[in-house]
Amino acid sequence: MSVYYDAATILGSESRAGSLKSRIYDNKLGLGSKPTHLYALISEAAKYDNFLKQVIDAANFLAQEPKLTPVLALLLVHDYFFAKGGIAASANHHLRHAIERHKARLQAEFTRARLKKKCATVEQLKVLLLSEKSPSHRSAPRWIRINTLRSTLEQELATTFKDYKLGAPVLEIACAPAGAKILAIDEHVPDLLALPPDANFTKTQAYTDGAIILQDKASCFPAYLLNGDPAEAEMIEDCMDGCAAPGNKTTHLAALVHLTTRRNINIFACEKDDRRSKILMTMTNKAGAGNVSVLERQDFLALNPQDPRFVNVTHLLLDPSCSGSGILGREDIPALALPIDPKSQQSKGSTPSKGSKKRKRGLEALVQSAVDAVETTADSFAEETKETTYDLARLQKLSILQAKIVQHAFAFPAATKVTYSTCSVHVEENEAVVAKVLGSTIAKSRGWSVLKRQDQISGLQKWVHRGAEKGMNTGTLELDDEAREACIRCHPGDEHGTMGFFLCGFVRNKSDPLHVVTSQAESGQDEEGWEGFDD
């Protein structure tokens, strides 16, 4: 069967669940084409679907080709104009003939549309079309962190990534064609690489050995903000990850502590769920994080800050349960903007039915990136699940728990620095929590304040996206300009190629007296009815 028919089968099948890669490689549809060819065809056509639709509609030839569906037309015209080898079919193949019979008209409309975009060449046109793609529907790069407990950036560039060319901008990498061998060294977080979305390193020796870790860029911010500055090395004693599983941030914290202090710093890692505790231990062992003490089945809120084990805990990383609203939607196969189907129009007449309106809305949806196959290794265990609806009542419950967790961290006797993060875009879970904890009794009595932007580590100090503007819903409290500037936000699908994320650091003046109170008593709330995502 032709690769075009197989691709159309994937795109047109009734069940659209699962990622593009998982659908192709599982091959439950009985496809005969090579998976790599299918993936490349679909993912590349999805990048230029709106432009191709415009050309095909203007050429107006589908009514004369009864064997061509809108999906087949889009895929074939993509290869005719954009693929190096043209249409992947023999010279006498009927699909090739169906396009070549109208090549003069197609070429004229393609040239007209290209010149309208003021592009002198096809390559210029492709770059422009990629830049015009809706940010929320662009592919995200494959972010890979070099685990400095096992290797170095220089070593991995010389081995695992030796065939990759350095220096491409992140947007170019995010939109790179399948099989492209380009990468970028991140400018904000050390030892972090951006690679094309389809890059798969799970079969490499470096991945097996724990020398490289798949971790979104934004997810690397908390540990870097907490413990990445060598100038603060003498201030760091024991550390704690209060909401640790699956362990990416924990192992990053361990690596940074080792690089920063060159001392044997103990890191406590809490996880209350038994299954996730095991995943956490697998992660830390694979990463070589021998200084991590996993507190199995331990709820962070149930810890006593006055426990002698924690008397030297100075730095705490908190990434609690959240809505997951910032996670990029990579779970669906592409929903292409397709050419008008004249056969469908003729059969339905001039008045569209309710069903056709529904179909139109679906066809106008831009492409959702679908580049992540389902991985089965422990360190690919999802940190969050993307929310699909806005539920204010649930967000308020999440916010209560999140504020409790931060205030509980404030009560640790030796604590001087805390980071709070979520993969949520909602103010209720982010700036509202910051405002709430800053106004708490324990924060005021112990001298807790935000880590000001000018005091943040240089890589994050220059990050442009800060806290939400004034007028946000923070309850009875409002963040001032300094506090908003202290907050760090990542927007899903923008030019930086991250998921949606929020981060704020807190610091304490050591001269302030110890105020012995637990965050549970402080908040005056209980956890009855808690329904947050257990990350």
Protein backbone atom coordinates (compact mmCIF):
# COMPACT_ATOMS: atom_id res chain seq x y z
CA MET A 1 0.00 0.00 0.00
CA SER A 2 1.22 3.51 -0.81
CA VAL A 3 2.74 5.58 2.02
CA TYR A 4 0.10 8.20 1.21
CA TYR A 5 -2.76 5.77 1.76
CA ASP A 6 -1.20 4.60 5.01
CA ALA A 7 -0.78 8.19 6.20
CA ALA A 8 -4.38 8.95 5.28
CA THR A 9 -5.48 5.89 7.26
CA ILE A 10 -3.70 7.19 10.36
CA LEU A 11 -5.10 10.69 9.98
CA GLY A 12 -8.60 9.56 9.12
CA SER A 13 -9.13 6.68 11.53
CA GLU A 14 -12.01 7.03 13.95
CA SER A 15 -9.90 6.55 17.06
CA ARG A 16 -7.39 9.40 17.33
CA ALA A 17 -6.08 8.51 20.79
CA GLY A 18 -2.36 8.16 21.36
CA SER A 19 0.65 9.97 19.99
CA LEU A 20 1.57 9.93 16.34
CA LYS A 21 4.63 7.80 17.01
CA SER A 22 2.78 5.28 19.15
CA ARG A 23 0.07 4.92 16.48
CA ILE A 24 2.64 4.38 13.75
CA TYR A 25 5.02 2.08 15.58
CA ASP A 26 2.34 0.00 17.31
CA ASN A 27 0.91 -0.53 13.82
CA LYS A 28 -2.49 -1.76 14.95
CA LEU A 29 -3.90 -0.50 11.66
CA GLY A 30 -1.93 -3.03 9.60
CA LEU A 31 0.19 -0.45 7.77
CA GLY A 32 2.73 -1.59 5.20
CA SER A 33 4.93 1.50 4.94
CA LYS A 34 8.11 2.14 6.91
CA PRO A 35 7.29 3.92 10.19
CA THR A 36 10.03 6.51 9.65
CA HIS A 37 8.59 7.44 6.24
CA LEU A 38 5.08 7.75 7.64
CA TYR A 39 6.17 9.88 10.55
CA ALA A 40 8.21 12.20 8.34
CA LEU A 41 5.39 12.62 5.80
CA ILE A 42 2.68 13.43 8.34
CA SER A 43 4.74 15.65 10.63
CA GLU A 44 6.19 17.64 7.71
CA ALA A 45 2.85 18.13 5.95
CA ALA A 46 1.35 19.31 9.25
CA LYS A 47 3.81 22.20 9.37
CA TYR A 48 2.55 23.76 6.14
CA ASP A 49 -1.06 22.59 6.04
CA ASN A 50 -2.71 26.03 5.94
CA PHE A 51 -0.58 27.21 3.02
CA LEU A 52 -1.08 23.95 1.11
CA LYS A 53 -4.82 24.12 1.67
CA GLN A 54 -4.83 27.63 0.19
CA VAL A 55 -2.95 26.47 -2.93
CA ILE A 56 -5.12 23.39 -3.48
CA ASP A 57 -8.37 25.31 -2.99
CA ALA A 58 -7.21 27.98 -5.46
CA ALA A 59 -6.16 25.37 -8.03
CA ASN A 60 -9.66 23.84 -7.71
CA PHE A 61 -8.92 20.43 -9.20
CA LEU A 62 -10.28 17.96 -6.64
CA ALA A 63 -13.68 17.73 -8.35
CA GLN A 64 -11.88 16.30 -11.39
CA GLU A 65 -10.05 13.63 -9.37
CA PRO A 66 -12.58 11.26 -7.79
CA LYS A 67 -9.85 9.09 -6.24
CA LEU A 68 -8.28 11.99 -4.34
CA THR A 69 -9.52 12.82 -0.86
CA PRO A 70 -8.58 16.15 0.78
CA VAL A 71 -6.09 14.32 3.01
CA LEU A 72 -4.39 12.58 0.08
CA ALA A 73 -4.29 15.83 -1.87
CA LEU A 74 -2.62 17.67 0.99
CA LEU A 75 0.04 14.97 1.47
CA LEU A 76 0.77 14.65 -2.24
CA VAL A 77 0.96 18.38 -2.91
CA HIS A 78 3.25 18.76 0.09
CA ASP A 79 5.72 16.29 -1.40
CA TYR A 80 5.32 17.74 -4.89
CA PHE A 81 6.52 21.16 -3.72
CA PHE A 82 8.47 20.59 -0.51
CA ALA A 83 10.00 17.06 -0.52
CA LYS A 84 13.50 16.72 -1.99
CA GLY A 85 12.52 13.66 -4.00
CA GLY A 86 9.07 14.87 -4.96
CA ILE A 87 6.11 12.50 -4.82
CA ALA A 88 7.16 9.09 -3.51
CA ALA A 89 5.45 7.03 -6.18
CA SER A 90 6.44 5.45 -9.49
CA ALA A 91 6.14 7.41 -12.72
CA ASN A 92 2.96 5.54 -13.74
CA HIS A 93 1.30 5.55 -10.29
CA HIS A 94 -2.26 6.88 -10.40
CA LEU A 95 -1.69 9.19 -7.41
CA ARG A 96 1.25 10.85 -9.13
CA HIS A 97 -0.84 11.28 -12.28
CA ALA A 98 -3.68 12.80 -10.25
CA ILE A 99 -1.36 15.63 -9.23
CA GLU A 100 0.73 16.00 -12.37
CA ARG A 101 -2.36 16.37 -14.54
CA HIS A 102 -2.84 19.74 -12.82
CA LYS A 103 0.79 20.74 -12.31
CA ALA A 104 0.53 23.93 -14.39
CA ARG A 105 -2.40 25.21 -12.36
CA LEU A 106 -0.85 24.09 -9.06
CA GLN A 107 2.50 25.70 -9.90
CA ALA A 108 0.80 28.98 -10.81
CA GLU A 109 -1.18 29.09 -7.56
CA PHE A 110 1.85 28.03 -5.52
CA THR A 111 3.99 30.79 -7.06
CA ARG A 112 1.24 33.37 -6.59
CA ALA A 113 0.85 32.43 -2.91
CA ARG A 114 4.64 32.41 -2.38
CA LEU A 115 5.09 35.86 -3.92
CA LYS A 116 2.20 37.16 -1.85
CA LYS A 117 4.27 36.11 1.17
CA LYS A 118 7.19 38.09 -0.37
CA CYS A 119 9.45 35.03 -0.43
CA ALA A 120 11.96 34.73 -3.27
CA THR A 121 12.63 31.03 -2.72
CA VAL A 122 10.86 27.95 -1.43
CA GLU A 123 13.31 27.74 1.49
CA GLN A 124 12.48 31.31 2.53
CA LEU A 125 8.81 30.41 2.29
CA LYS A 126 9.22 27.38 4.57
CA VAL A 127 11.02 29.43 7.21
CA LEU A 128 8.30 32.08 7.09
CA LEU A 129 5.48 29.54 7.31
CA LEU A 130 7.09 27.90 10.32
CA SER A 131 7.44 31.25 12.08
CA GLU A 132 3.78 32.03 11.39
CA LYS A 133 2.58 28.79 12.91
CA SER A 134 0.47 29.43 15.97
CA PRO A 135 2.88 29.30 18.95
CA SER A 136 0.54 27.07 20.94
CA HIS A 137 0.67 24.49 18.16
CA ARG A 138 4.38 24.44 17.37
CA SER A 139 6.41 21.43 18.20
CA ALA A 140 8.60 21.73 21.27
CA PRO A 141 12.26 20.74 21.15
CA ARG A 142 13.42 17.54 22.75
CA TRP A 143 15.19 18.81 25.86
CA ILE A 144 18.01 16.65 27.21
CA ARG A 145 19.91 17.39 30.41
CA ILE A 146 23.45 16.13 30.76
CA ASN A 147 23.67 14.39 34.12
CA THR A 148 26.96 15.69 35.51
CA LEU A 149 26.98 12.95 38.13
CA ARG A 150 27.68 10.52 35.28
CA SER A 151 29.23 12.57 32.47
CA THR A 152 30.00 16.06 31.15
CA LEU A 153 28.65 18.23 28.38
CA GLU A 154 31.95 18.04 26.51
CA GLN A 155 32.03 14.26 26.72
CA GLU A 156 28.48 13.83 25.44
CA LEU A 157 28.97 16.31 22.60
CA ALA A 158 31.97 14.28 21.52
CA THR A 159 30.17 10.93 21.71
CA THR A 160 26.38 10.74 21.96
CA PHE A 161 25.81 13.91 19.91
CA LYS A 162 28.92 13.82 17.72
CA ASP A 163 26.87 13.81 14.49
CA TYR A 164 24.86 16.87 15.47
CA LYS A 165 25.61 20.41 14.32
CA LEU A 166 25.68 23.09 17.01
CA GLY A 167 24.25 26.58 16.96
CA ALA A 168 20.71 26.42 15.53
CA PRO A 169 18.09 28.67 17.20
CA VAL A 170 15.48 26.95 19.34
CA LEU A 171 12.60 27.81 16.98
CA GLU A 172 14.46 26.24 14.06
CA ILE A 173 15.14 23.14 16.14
CA ALA A 174 11.49 22.88 17.20
CA CYS A 175 10.40 22.97 13.55
CA ALA A 176 13.24 20.86 12.17
CA PRO A 177 12.31 18.16 9.65
CA ALA A 178 12.36 14.55 10.73
CA GLY A 179 15.88 13.22 10.98
CA ALA A 180 17.55 16.65 11.21
CA LYS A 181 20.82 16.55 13.18
CA ILE A 182 21.02 19.97 14.79
CA LEU A 183 21.11 21.04 18.42
CA ALA A 184 21.53 24.05 20.66
CA ILE A 185 23.21 24.48 24.04
CA ASP A 186 20.72 26.27 26.27
CA GLU A 187 21.54 29.84 27.23
CA HIS A 188 19.73 29.83 30.58
CA VAL A 189 20.49 26.48 32.22
CA PRO A 190 23.95 24.83 32.09
CA ASP A 191 24.37 21.33 30.62
CA LEU A 192 21.00 21.44 28.83
CA LEU A 193 20.52 20.69 25.13
CA ALA A 194 17.67 21.34 22.70
CA LEU A 195 17.24 18.77 19.93
CA PRO A 196 14.61 18.22 17.21
CA PRO A 197 11.26 16.87 18.49
CA ASP A 198 11.66 13.49 16.82
CA ALA A 199 15.14 12.89 18.28
CA ASN A 200 15.05 9.60 20.17
CA PHE A 201 17.97 8.83 22.47
CA THR A 202 16.30 6.21 24.66
CA LYS A 203 18.26 3.44 22.93
CA THR A 204 21.66 5.06 23.43
CA GLN A 205 24.25 3.92 25.93
CA ALA A 206 24.25 7.38 27.53
CA TYR A 207 20.56 7.11 28.28
CA THR A 208 20.87 3.57 29.59
CA ASP A 209 23.73 4.62 31.86
CA GLY A 210 21.88 7.68 33.18
CA ALA A 211 24.36 10.11 31.60
CA ILE A 212 21.54 11.95 29.81
CA ILE A 213 18.06 12.64 31.17
CA LEU A 214 14.97 13.69 29.22
CA GLN A 215 13.70 16.77 31.05
CA ASP A 216 11.81 19.84 29.87
CA LYS A 217 13.77 23.07 30.11
CA ALA A 218 11.29 24.70 32.48
CA SER A 219 11.50 21.70 34.78
CA CYS A 220 15.22 22.42 35.17
CA PHE A 221 14.60 25.92 36.56
CA PRO A 222 13.74 25.06 40.21
CA ALA A 223 16.91 23.16 41.13
CA TYR A 224 19.06 25.65 39.22
CA LEU A 225 17.49 28.59 41.06
CA LEU A 226 17.82 26.81 44.40
CA ASN A 227 21.36 25.44 44.27
CA GLY A 228 23.04 26.47 41.04
CA ASP A 229 25.11 29.42 42.24
CA PRO A 230 28.69 28.55 43.36
CA ALA A 231 28.82 31.86 45.23
CA GLU A 232 26.29 30.42 47.68
CA ALA A 233 28.11 27.11 48.20
CA GLU A 234 29.00 27.80 51.84
CA MET A 235 25.33 28.50 52.68
CA ILE A 236 24.14 25.06 51.53
CA GLU A 237 23.84 22.28 54.10
CA ASP A 238 21.26 19.50 53.83
CA CYS A 239 18.56 19.85 51.17
CA MET A 240 15.06 18.51 50.74
CA ASP A 241 12.77 17.81 47.80
CA GLY A 242 9.34 17.86 49.38
CA CYS A 243 7.36 16.44 46.42
CA ALA A 244 10.01 14.42 44.66
CA ALA A 245 8.69 11.66 42.34
CA PRO A 246 9.42 10.80 39.63
CA GLY A 247 12.80 12.35 40.36
CA ASN A 248 14.02 14.55 37.50
CA LYS A 249 14.25 17.62 39.72
CA THR A 250 15.70 15.55 42.57
CA THR A 251 18.54 14.20 40.46
CA HIS A 252 19.15 17.65 38.97
CA LEU A 253 19.36 19.01 42.52
CA ALA A 254 21.87 16.29 43.42
CA ALA A 255 24.02 17.07 40.39
CA LEU A 256 24.01 20.81 41.05
CA VAL A 257 24.82 20.37 44.75
CA HIS A 258 27.82 18.25 43.81
CA LEU A 259 29.08 20.79 41.28
CA THR A 260 28.39 23.79 43.51
CA THR A 261 29.67 22.64 46.89
CA ARG A 262 32.08 19.77 46.19
CA ARG A 263 30.85 18.43 49.51
CA ASN A 264 28.78 15.39 50.47
CA ILE A 265 25.45 17.15 50.93
CA ASN A 266 22.53 14.98 52.01
CA ILE A 267 19.28 15.39 50.07
CA PHE A 268 16.01 14.14 51.57
CA ALA A 269 13.34 13.24 49.00
CA CYS A 270 9.71 12.76 50.05
CA GLU A 271 7.11 10.70 48.20
CA LYS A 272 3.94 9.52 49.87
CA ASP A 273 2.81 7.06 47.18
CA ASP A 274 4.36 3.59 47.34
CA ARG A 275 4.57 3.00 43.60
CA ARG A 276 6.03 6.42 42.94
CA SER A 277 8.51 5.94 45.77
CA LYS A 278 9.90 2.97 43.89
CA ILE A 279 10.10 5.01 40.68
CA LEU A 280 11.92 7.74 42.59
CA MET A 281 14.48 5.25 43.93
CA THR A 282 14.99 3.80 40.44
CA MET A 283 15.58 7.29 39.07
CA THR A 284 18.07 8.32 41.73
CA ASN A 285 19.98 5.05 41.46
CA LYS A 286 20.20 5.28 37.69
CA ALA A 287 21.40 8.88 37.91
CA GLY A 288 24.10 8.01 40.42
CA ALA A 289 22.60 10.30 43.04
CA GLY A 290 23.97 8.43 46.03
CA ASN A 291 23.50 11.41 48.33
CA VAL A 292 19.69 11.25 48.00
CA SER A 293 17.84 9.67 50.93
CA VAL A 294 14.39 8.67 49.70
CA LEU A 295 11.78 8.91 52.46
CA GLU A 296 9.45 6.21 51.18
CA ARG A 297 5.69 6.69 51.51
CA GLN A 298 6.37 9.95 53.35
CA ASP A 299 3.97 12.89 53.05
CA PHE A 300 5.99 16.11 53.30
CA LEU A 301 3.25 17.78 55.36
CA ALA A 302 3.48 14.97 57.92
CA LEU A 303 7.17 15.66 58.58
CA ASN A 304 8.02 17.38 61.86
CA PRO A 305 10.34 20.31 61.04
CA GLN A 306 11.87 19.91 64.52
CA ASP A 307 12.92 16.30 63.83
CA PRO A 308 16.67 16.02 64.59
CA ARG A 309 17.22 14.52 61.12
CA PHE A 310 16.28 17.82 59.54
CA VAL A 311 18.10 20.23 61.83
CA ASN A 312 20.55 21.16 59.05
CA VAL A 313 18.09 21.42 56.14
CA THR A 314 18.76 24.84 54.61
CA HIS A 315 17.36 24.50 51.07
CA LEU A 316 13.98 23.05 50.07
CA LEU A 317 12.60 22.40 46.60
CA LEU A 318 8.80 22.24 46.34
CA ASP A 319 7.00 21.16 43.18
CA PRO A 320 3.63 20.05 44.55
CA SER A 321 0.54 18.60 42.95
CA CYS A 322 -1.03 20.98 40.44
CA SER A 323 -3.54 21.08 37.60
CA GLY A 324 -0.89 20.41 34.94
CA SER A 325 -2.49 23.09 32.77
CA GLY A 326 0.88 24.15 31.35
CA ILE A 327 1.72 20.80 29.82
CA LEU A 328 1.90 20.86 26.05
CA GLY A 329 -0.74 18.75 24.35
CA ARG A 330 1.37 16.11 22.63
CA GLU A 331 -1.10 13.28 23.00
CA ASP A 332 -3.10 13.56 19.78
CA ILE A 333 -2.33 12.89 16.16
CA PRO A 334 -2.39 16.00 13.92
CA ALA A 335 -5.72 17.56 12.95
CA LEU A 336 -4.87 19.09 9.59
CA ALA A 337 -6.38 22.14 7.93
CA LEU A 338 -7.68 20.34 4.84
CA PRO A 339 -8.70 21.55 1.37
CA ILE A 340 -12.39 21.91 0.57
CA ASP A 341 -13.91 18.64 -0.58
CA PRO A 342 -16.05 19.48 -3.64
CA LYS A 343 -17.64 16.04 -3.61
CA SER A 344 -18.84 16.61 -0.06
CA GLN A 345 -20.08 20.10 -0.94
CA GLN A 346 -22.07 18.79 -3.91
CA SER A 347 -23.72 16.03 -1.93
CA LYS A 348 -24.79 18.37 0.85
CA GLY A 349 -25.89 21.31 -1.27
CA SER A 350 -25.35 24.96 -0.43
CA THR A 351 -26.73 24.75 3.11
CA PRO A 352 -24.30 23.00 5.42
CA SER A 353 -25.70 20.59 7.96
CA LYS A 354 -24.90 20.65 11.65
CA GLY A 355 -22.50 17.80 11.05
CA SER A 356 -20.57 19.75 8.42
CA LYS A 357 -20.22 22.71 10.77
CA LYS A 358 -18.73 20.40 13.33
CA ARG A 359 -16.36 19.02 10.72
CA LYS A 360 -15.35 22.52 9.65
CA ARG A 361 -14.47 23.47 13.17
CA GLY A 362 -12.34 20.36 13.42
CA LEU A 363 -10.57 21.03 10.15
CA GLU A 364 -9.74 24.60 11.15
CA ALA A 365 -7.88 23.40 14.24
CA LEU A 366 -4.14 23.85 13.86
CA VAL A 367 -1.71 21.01 14.32
CA GLN A 368 -0.96 19.70 17.76
CA SER A 369 2.60 18.43 17.98
CA ALA A 370 2.63 14.65 18.29
CA VAL A 371 6.26 13.77 18.54
CA ASP A 372 6.55 11.87 21.82
CA ALA A 373 6.21 8.12 21.74
CA VAL A 374 5.11 6.40 24.91
CA GLU A 375 8.28 5.38 26.75
CA THR A 376 8.31 2.58 29.24
CA THR A 377 11.39 3.38 31.30
CA ALA A 378 11.01 4.63 34.87
CA ASP A 379 12.64 8.00 34.28
CA SER A 380 10.09 8.88 31.60
CA PHE A 381 7.24 8.56 34.10
CA ALA A 382 5.02 11.59 33.59
CA GLU A 383 5.45 14.30 36.18
CA GLU A 384 1.99 15.72 35.58
CA THR A 385 -1.19 15.03 33.61
CA LYS A 386 -2.57 17.86 31.53
CA GLU A 387 -5.89 19.23 32.71
CA THR A 388 -8.59 19.58 30.07
CA THR A 389 -11.06 21.88 31.84
CA TYR A 390 -10.92 24.95 34.01
CA ASP A 391 -12.37 24.00 37.38
CA LEU A 392 -12.22 26.93 39.80
CA ALA A 393 -13.30 24.88 42.82
CA ARG A 394 -10.53 22.36 42.17
CA LEU A 395 -7.98 25.13 41.65
CA GLN A 396 -8.93 26.65 44.98
CA LYS A 397 -8.40 23.30 46.71
CA LEU A 398 -5.05 22.96 44.98
CA SER A 399 -4.10 26.46 46.04
CA ILE A 400 -4.87 25.71 49.70
CA LEU A 401 -2.69 22.60 49.67
CA GLN A 402 0.12 24.34 47.78
CA ALA A 403 0.18 27.23 50.27
CA LYS A 404 0.27 24.73 53.16
CA ILE A 405 3.29 23.04 51.67
CA VAL A 406 5.24 26.28 51.26
CA GLN A 407 4.40 27.46 54.77
CA HIS A 408 5.44 24.07 56.14
CA ALA A 409 8.83 24.49 54.46
CA PHE A 410 9.15 27.94 56.06
CA ALA A 411 8.99 26.23 59.49
CA PHE A 412 12.19 24.18 59.11
CA PRO A 413 14.60 25.68 61.68
CA ALA A 414 17.67 26.11 59.47
CA ALA A 415 15.82 26.84 56.22
CA THR A 416 17.09 29.87 54.34
CA LYS A 417 15.97 29.25 50.76
CA VAL A 418 12.87 27.65 49.22
CA THR A 419 11.70 27.30 45.63
CA TYR A 420 8.04 26.79 44.73
CA SER A 421 7.03 25.67 41.25
CA THR A 422 4.10 24.28 39.27
CA CYS A 423 3.49 23.26 35.66
CA SER A 424 0.33 25.34 35.73
CA VAL A 425 -0.58 28.54 33.91
CA HIS A 426 -3.30 29.51 36.39
CA VAL A 427 -2.82 32.49 38.70
CA GLU A 428 -4.70 30.65 41.45
CA GLU A 429 -1.88 28.12 41.73
CA ASN A 430 0.95 30.55 41.15
CA GLU A 431 0.98 34.25 42.05
CA ALA A 432 -2.01 33.76 44.36
CA VAL A 433 -0.08 31.16 46.36
CA VAL A 434 2.94 33.46 46.55
CA ALA A 435 0.76 36.30 47.83
CA LYS A 436 -0.89 34.03 50.36
CA VAL A 437 2.31 32.65 51.86
CA LEU A 438 4.02 36.05 51.97
CA GLY A 439 1.09 37.31 54.04
CA SER A 440 1.20 34.36 56.45
CA THR A 441 2.24 34.70 60.09
CA ILE A 442 5.16 32.30 59.72
CA ALA A 443 6.59 34.19 56.74
CA LYS A 444 6.40 37.51 58.56
CA SER A 445 7.67 36.21 61.90
CA ARG A 446 10.66 34.37 60.39
CA GLY A 447 11.59 36.99 57.82
CA TRP A 448 10.71 35.17 54.61
CA SER A 449 10.55 37.23 51.41
CA VAL A 450 10.79 36.60 47.68
CA LEU A 451 14.15 36.02 46.04
CA LYS A 452 14.42 39.26 44.09
CA ARG A 453 15.16 39.13 40.40
CA GLN A 454 18.47 40.95 40.82
CA ASP A 455 19.56 38.32 43.35
CA GLN A 456 18.67 35.32 41.18
CA ILE A 457 21.31 33.26 39.42
CA SER A 458 22.33 34.99 36.18
CA GLY A 459 20.79 32.46 33.78
CA LEU A 460 17.34 32.98 35.28
CA GLN A 461 17.80 36.64 36.13
CA LYS A 462 17.73 37.38 32.39
CA TRP A 463 14.63 35.25 31.74
CA VAL A 464 12.14 37.74 30.29
CA HIS A 465 8.77 36.30 31.34
CA ARG A 466 7.91 37.29 34.89
CA GLY A 467 4.80 37.21 37.11
CA ALA A 468 1.28 38.06 35.99
CA GLU A 469 0.27 41.70 35.82
CA LYS A 470 -1.53 43.57 38.57
CA GLY A 471 -5.23 42.98 38.94
CA MET A 472 -4.81 39.22 39.10
CA ASN A 473 -6.98 37.20 41.42
CA THR A 474 -4.84 36.70 44.50
CA GLY A 475 -7.66 36.80 47.00
CA THR A 476 -7.29 39.62 49.50
CA LEU A 477 -3.58 40.14 48.78
CA GLU A 478 -1.77 41.75 45.89
CA LEU A 479 1.82 41.28 44.79
CA ASP A 480 3.87 44.44 44.40
CA ASP A 481 6.11 45.03 41.39
CA GLU A 482 9.17 43.61 43.13
CA ALA A 483 7.37 40.36 43.97
CA ARG A 484 5.96 40.01 40.46
CA GLU A 485 9.44 40.51 39.01
CA ALA A 486 10.69 37.79 41.33
CA CYS A 487 8.23 35.31 39.81
CA ILE A 488 9.26 33.38 36.70
CA ARG A 489 6.78 32.20 34.10
CA CYS A 490 7.15 29.97 31.05
CA HIS A 491 4.49 30.05 28.37
CA PRO A 492 3.66 26.80 26.56
CA GLY A 493 4.57 26.70 22.90
CA ASP A 494 6.30 30.09 22.66
CA GLU A 495 9.65 30.78 21.03
CA HIS A 496 11.51 29.35 24.04
CA GLY A 497 10.10 25.86 23.45
CA THR A 498 9.03 25.04 27.01
CA MET A 499 5.88 23.82 28.64
CA GLY A 500 3.84 26.22 30.78
CA PHE A 501 5.55 26.65 34.12
CA PHE A 502 5.77 28.89 37.19
CA LEU A 503 8.58 29.37 39.69
CA CYS A 504 9.22 31.62 42.66
CA GLY A 505 12.09 31.57 45.12
CA PHE A 506 11.92 32.59 48.78
CA VAL A 507 14.78 33.56 51.11
CA ARG A 508 15.00 34.15 54.86
CA ASN A 509 17.12 36.49 56.89
CA LYS A 510 19.00 34.23 59.31
CA SER A 511 18.88 36.85 62.04
CA ASP A 512 15.13 36.45 62.38
CA PRO A 513 13.99 34.45 65.42
CA LEU A 514 12.80 30.87 65.10
CA HIS A 515 9.03 30.79 65.06
CA VAL A 516 8.03 27.22 65.85
CA VAL A 517 4.70 26.53 64.14
CA THR A 518 3.54 24.05 61.59
CA SER A 519 2.04 25.12 58.32
CA GLN A 520 -1.12 23.07 58.96
CA ALA A 521 -1.92 25.02 62.09
CA GLU A 522 -0.85 28.21 60.34
CA SER A 523 -3.26 27.79 57.45
CA GLY A 524 -6.30 26.89 59.50
CA GLN A 525 -7.37 24.53 56.73
CA ASP A 526 -7.69 20.79 56.41
CA GLU A 527 -7.26 18.51 53.45
CA GLU A 528 -10.77 17.10 53.37
CA GLY A 529 -12.01 16.87 49.83
CA TRP A 530 -8.55 17.14 48.27
CA GLU A 531 -8.73 16.06 44.64
CA GLY A 532 -5.50 17.40 43.18
CA PHE A 533 -3.31 15.49 40.77
CA ASP A 534 -0.81 13.37 42.63
CA ASP A 535 2.45 14.10 40.81
